[in-house]
N, C-alpha and C. Protein backbone atom coordinates (compact mmCIF):
# COMPACT_ATOMS: atom_id res chain seq x y z
N MET A 1 120.34 -54.42 148.50
CA MET A 1 120.66 -55.70 149.11
C MET A 1 120.32 -55.60 150.60
N ARG A 2 119.66 -56.61 151.11
CA ARG A 2 119.30 -56.63 152.52
C ARG A 2 120.55 -56.76 153.36
N PRO A 3 120.52 -56.20 154.59
CA PRO A 3 121.72 -56.24 155.44
C PRO A 3 122.19 -57.66 155.76
N LYS A 4 121.26 -58.57 155.99
CA LYS A 4 121.66 -59.94 156.32
C LYS A 4 122.30 -60.62 155.10
N THR A 5 121.78 -60.35 153.92
CA THR A 5 122.36 -60.91 152.70
C THR A 5 123.74 -60.32 152.45
N LEU A 6 123.90 -59.02 152.70
CA LEU A 6 125.20 -58.39 152.56
C LEU A 6 126.20 -59.00 153.53
N GLU A 7 125.77 -59.25 154.74
CA GLU A 7 126.66 -59.86 155.74
C GLU A 7 127.11 -61.25 155.29
N LYS A 8 126.21 -62.03 154.78
CA LYS A 8 126.57 -63.37 154.31
C LYS A 8 127.50 -63.32 153.10
N ALA A 9 127.25 -62.39 152.20
CA ALA A 9 128.10 -62.26 151.01
C ALA A 9 129.52 -61.83 151.39
N VAL A 10 129.63 -60.88 152.31
CA VAL A 10 130.95 -60.42 152.75
C VAL A 10 131.68 -61.54 153.47
N LEU A 11 130.98 -62.28 154.32
CA LEU A 11 131.59 -63.39 155.04
C LEU A 11 132.07 -64.48 154.08
N LEU A 12 131.27 -64.79 153.08
CA LEU A 12 131.67 -65.79 152.09
C LEU A 12 132.90 -65.32 151.31
N LEU A 13 132.91 -64.07 150.89
CA LEU A 13 134.05 -63.53 150.17
C LEU A 13 135.31 -63.54 151.03
N LEU A 14 135.17 -63.22 152.31
CA LEU A 14 136.31 -63.23 153.21
C LEU A 14 136.85 -64.64 153.40
N VAL A 15 135.99 -65.62 153.55
CA VAL A 15 136.43 -67.01 153.71
C VAL A 15 137.13 -67.50 152.44
N VAL A 16 136.58 -67.20 151.29
CA VAL A 16 137.20 -67.61 150.02
C VAL A 16 138.56 -66.95 149.86
N TYR A 17 138.65 -65.68 150.20
CA TYR A 17 139.92 -64.96 150.08
C TYR A 17 140.95 -65.53 151.05
N CYS A 18 140.54 -65.89 152.26
CA CYS A 18 141.46 -66.49 153.23
C CYS A 18 141.95 -67.85 152.75
N LEU A 19 141.06 -68.66 152.20
CA LEU A 19 141.46 -69.96 151.68
C LEU A 19 142.43 -69.80 150.50
N ASP A 20 142.20 -68.81 149.66
CA ASP A 20 143.11 -68.55 148.55
C ASP A 20 144.48 -68.13 149.07
N LEU A 21 144.52 -67.32 150.11
CA LEU A 21 145.80 -66.91 150.70
C LEU A 21 146.54 -68.11 151.29
N VAL A 22 145.83 -68.99 151.96
CA VAL A 22 146.45 -70.20 152.51
C VAL A 22 147.02 -71.06 151.40
N TRP A 23 146.28 -71.21 150.30
CA TRP A 23 146.76 -72.02 149.18
C TRP A 23 148.02 -71.40 148.57
N ARG A 24 148.01 -70.08 148.42
CA ARG A 24 149.17 -69.40 147.84
C ARG A 24 150.39 -69.51 148.75
N LEU A 25 150.20 -69.41 150.04
CA LEU A 25 151.33 -69.54 150.97
C LEU A 25 151.85 -70.97 151.00
N ALA A 26 150.95 -71.95 150.83
CA ALA A 26 151.38 -73.34 150.81
C ALA A 26 152.20 -73.65 149.56
N ASN A 27 151.91 -72.98 148.47
CA ASN A 27 152.63 -73.17 147.21
C ASN A 27 153.58 -72.00 146.93
N TRP A 28 154.17 -71.48 147.95
CA TRP A 28 155.00 -70.29 147.87
C TRP A 28 156.14 -70.43 146.86
N GLY A 29 156.83 -71.55 146.87
CA GLY A 29 157.99 -71.74 146.02
C GLY A 29 157.65 -71.65 144.54
N ASP A 30 156.51 -72.19 144.14
CA ASP A 30 156.13 -72.17 142.73
C ASP A 30 155.67 -70.78 142.29
N LEU A 31 154.99 -70.07 143.18
CA LEU A 31 154.40 -68.79 142.81
C LEU A 31 155.39 -67.63 142.86
N ALA A 32 156.37 -67.70 143.76
CA ALA A 32 157.28 -66.57 143.95
C ALA A 32 158.58 -66.73 143.16
N ASN A 33 158.65 -67.71 142.31
CA ASN A 33 159.86 -67.96 141.54
C ASN A 33 160.09 -66.85 140.52
N GLY A 34 161.17 -66.10 140.70
CA GLY A 34 161.51 -65.04 139.76
C GLY A 34 160.83 -63.71 139.99
N VAL A 35 160.03 -63.58 141.04
CA VAL A 35 159.35 -62.32 141.34
C VAL A 35 160.23 -61.52 142.30
N PRO A 36 160.45 -60.24 142.02
CA PRO A 36 161.28 -59.44 142.94
C PRO A 36 160.60 -59.27 144.30
N TRP A 37 161.41 -58.98 145.32
CA TRP A 37 160.88 -58.89 146.67
C TRP A 37 159.82 -57.80 146.80
N TRP A 38 159.98 -56.69 146.06
CA TRP A 38 159.02 -55.61 146.17
C TRP A 38 157.67 -56.00 145.55
N GLY A 39 157.69 -56.87 144.57
CA GLY A 39 156.44 -57.35 143.97
C GLY A 39 155.67 -58.22 144.94
N ILE A 40 156.41 -59.06 145.67
CA ILE A 40 155.76 -59.91 146.67
C ILE A 40 155.19 -59.05 147.80
N ALA A 41 155.99 -58.07 148.25
CA ALA A 41 155.53 -57.18 149.33
C ALA A 41 154.30 -56.38 148.90
N LEU A 42 154.31 -55.89 147.68
CA LEU A 42 153.16 -55.13 147.18
C LEU A 42 151.92 -56.00 147.08
N GLY A 43 152.07 -57.21 146.57
CA GLY A 43 150.94 -58.12 146.47
C GLY A 43 150.35 -58.50 147.82
N LEU A 44 151.23 -58.78 148.78
CA LEU A 44 150.74 -59.11 150.12
C LEU A 44 150.09 -57.91 150.80
N THR A 45 150.62 -56.71 150.56
CA THR A 45 150.04 -55.51 151.15
C THR A 45 148.63 -55.26 150.61
N VAL A 46 148.47 -55.39 149.31
CA VAL A 46 147.15 -55.19 148.70
C VAL A 46 146.17 -56.25 149.20
N ARG A 47 146.62 -57.49 149.27
CA ARG A 47 145.75 -58.58 149.73
C ARG A 47 145.31 -58.37 151.17
N VAL A 48 146.25 -58.03 152.05
CA VAL A 48 145.92 -57.83 153.46
C VAL A 48 145.02 -56.60 153.63
N ALA A 49 145.25 -55.55 152.87
CA ALA A 49 144.41 -54.35 152.95
C ALA A 49 142.98 -54.67 152.51
N PHE A 50 142.83 -55.45 151.44
CA PHE A 50 141.50 -55.83 150.98
C PHE A 50 140.79 -56.69 152.03
N MET A 51 141.52 -57.63 152.62
CA MET A 51 140.92 -58.49 153.65
C MET A 51 140.54 -57.67 154.88
N ALA A 52 141.35 -56.68 155.25
CA ALA A 52 141.01 -55.81 156.38
C ALA A 52 139.74 -55.01 156.07
N GLY A 53 139.61 -54.57 154.83
CA GLY A 53 138.39 -53.87 154.43
C GLY A 53 137.16 -54.76 154.52
N LEU A 54 137.32 -56.02 154.15
CA LEU A 54 136.20 -56.96 154.28
C LEU A 54 135.82 -57.18 155.74
N VAL A 55 136.81 -57.31 156.60
CA VAL A 55 136.53 -57.48 158.03
C VAL A 55 135.83 -56.24 158.58
N PHE A 56 136.29 -55.05 158.19
CA PHE A 56 135.66 -53.81 158.63
C PHE A 56 134.21 -53.76 158.16
N LEU A 57 133.95 -54.11 156.90
CA LEU A 57 132.60 -54.12 156.37
C LEU A 57 131.73 -55.14 157.09
N LEU A 58 132.28 -56.28 157.40
CA LEU A 58 131.53 -57.31 158.12
C LEU A 58 131.14 -56.82 159.52
N ILE A 59 132.06 -56.19 160.20
CA ILE A 59 131.76 -55.66 161.55
C ILE A 59 130.70 -54.57 161.47
N ARG A 60 130.81 -53.71 160.47
CA ARG A 60 129.80 -52.64 160.32
C ARG A 60 128.41 -53.19 160.04
N THR A 61 128.31 -54.20 159.20
CA THR A 61 126.99 -54.75 158.90
C THR A 61 126.41 -55.47 160.11
N ARG A 62 127.25 -56.14 160.89
CA ARG A 62 126.75 -56.80 162.09
C ARG A 62 126.27 -55.79 163.12
N ARG A 63 127.01 -54.70 163.28
CA ARG A 63 126.58 -53.65 164.22
C ARG A 63 125.29 -53.00 163.74
N ALA A 64 125.15 -52.80 162.45
CA ALA A 64 123.93 -52.20 161.92
C ALA A 64 122.74 -53.12 162.13
N ASN A 65 122.96 -54.43 161.99
CA ASN A 65 121.88 -55.38 162.23
C ASN A 65 121.45 -55.37 163.69
N LYS A 66 122.42 -55.27 164.61
CA LYS A 66 122.09 -55.22 166.03
C LYS A 66 121.34 -53.93 166.37
N ALA A 67 121.76 -52.83 165.77
CA ALA A 67 121.12 -51.54 166.05
C ALA A 67 119.69 -51.51 165.55
N ASN A 68 119.42 -52.23 164.47
CA ASN A 68 118.06 -52.30 163.93
C ASN A 68 117.20 -53.35 164.60
N GLY A 69 117.76 -54.06 165.58
CA GLY A 69 117.00 -55.06 166.31
C GLY A 69 116.97 -56.42 165.67
N LYS A 70 117.81 -56.66 164.69
CA LYS A 70 117.86 -57.96 164.03
C LYS A 70 118.98 -58.79 164.65
N PRO A 71 118.74 -60.07 164.91
CA PRO A 71 119.78 -60.91 165.53
C PRO A 71 120.92 -61.25 164.59
């Protein structure tokens, strides 16, 4: 996969994941009904860790593109 295509794919995935998180937080009452607190904490931890990984990957691909002379 070309670096620019990888950058676009990661950015798209990050935006979709952020929109999904916003939707889930907006509908918090329906989704968290009957779930123990540790389940919610675990789910949010995994989600935030995955999103941090996407941001890290996005930054790395942008730096690699700059180092190779691509805008």
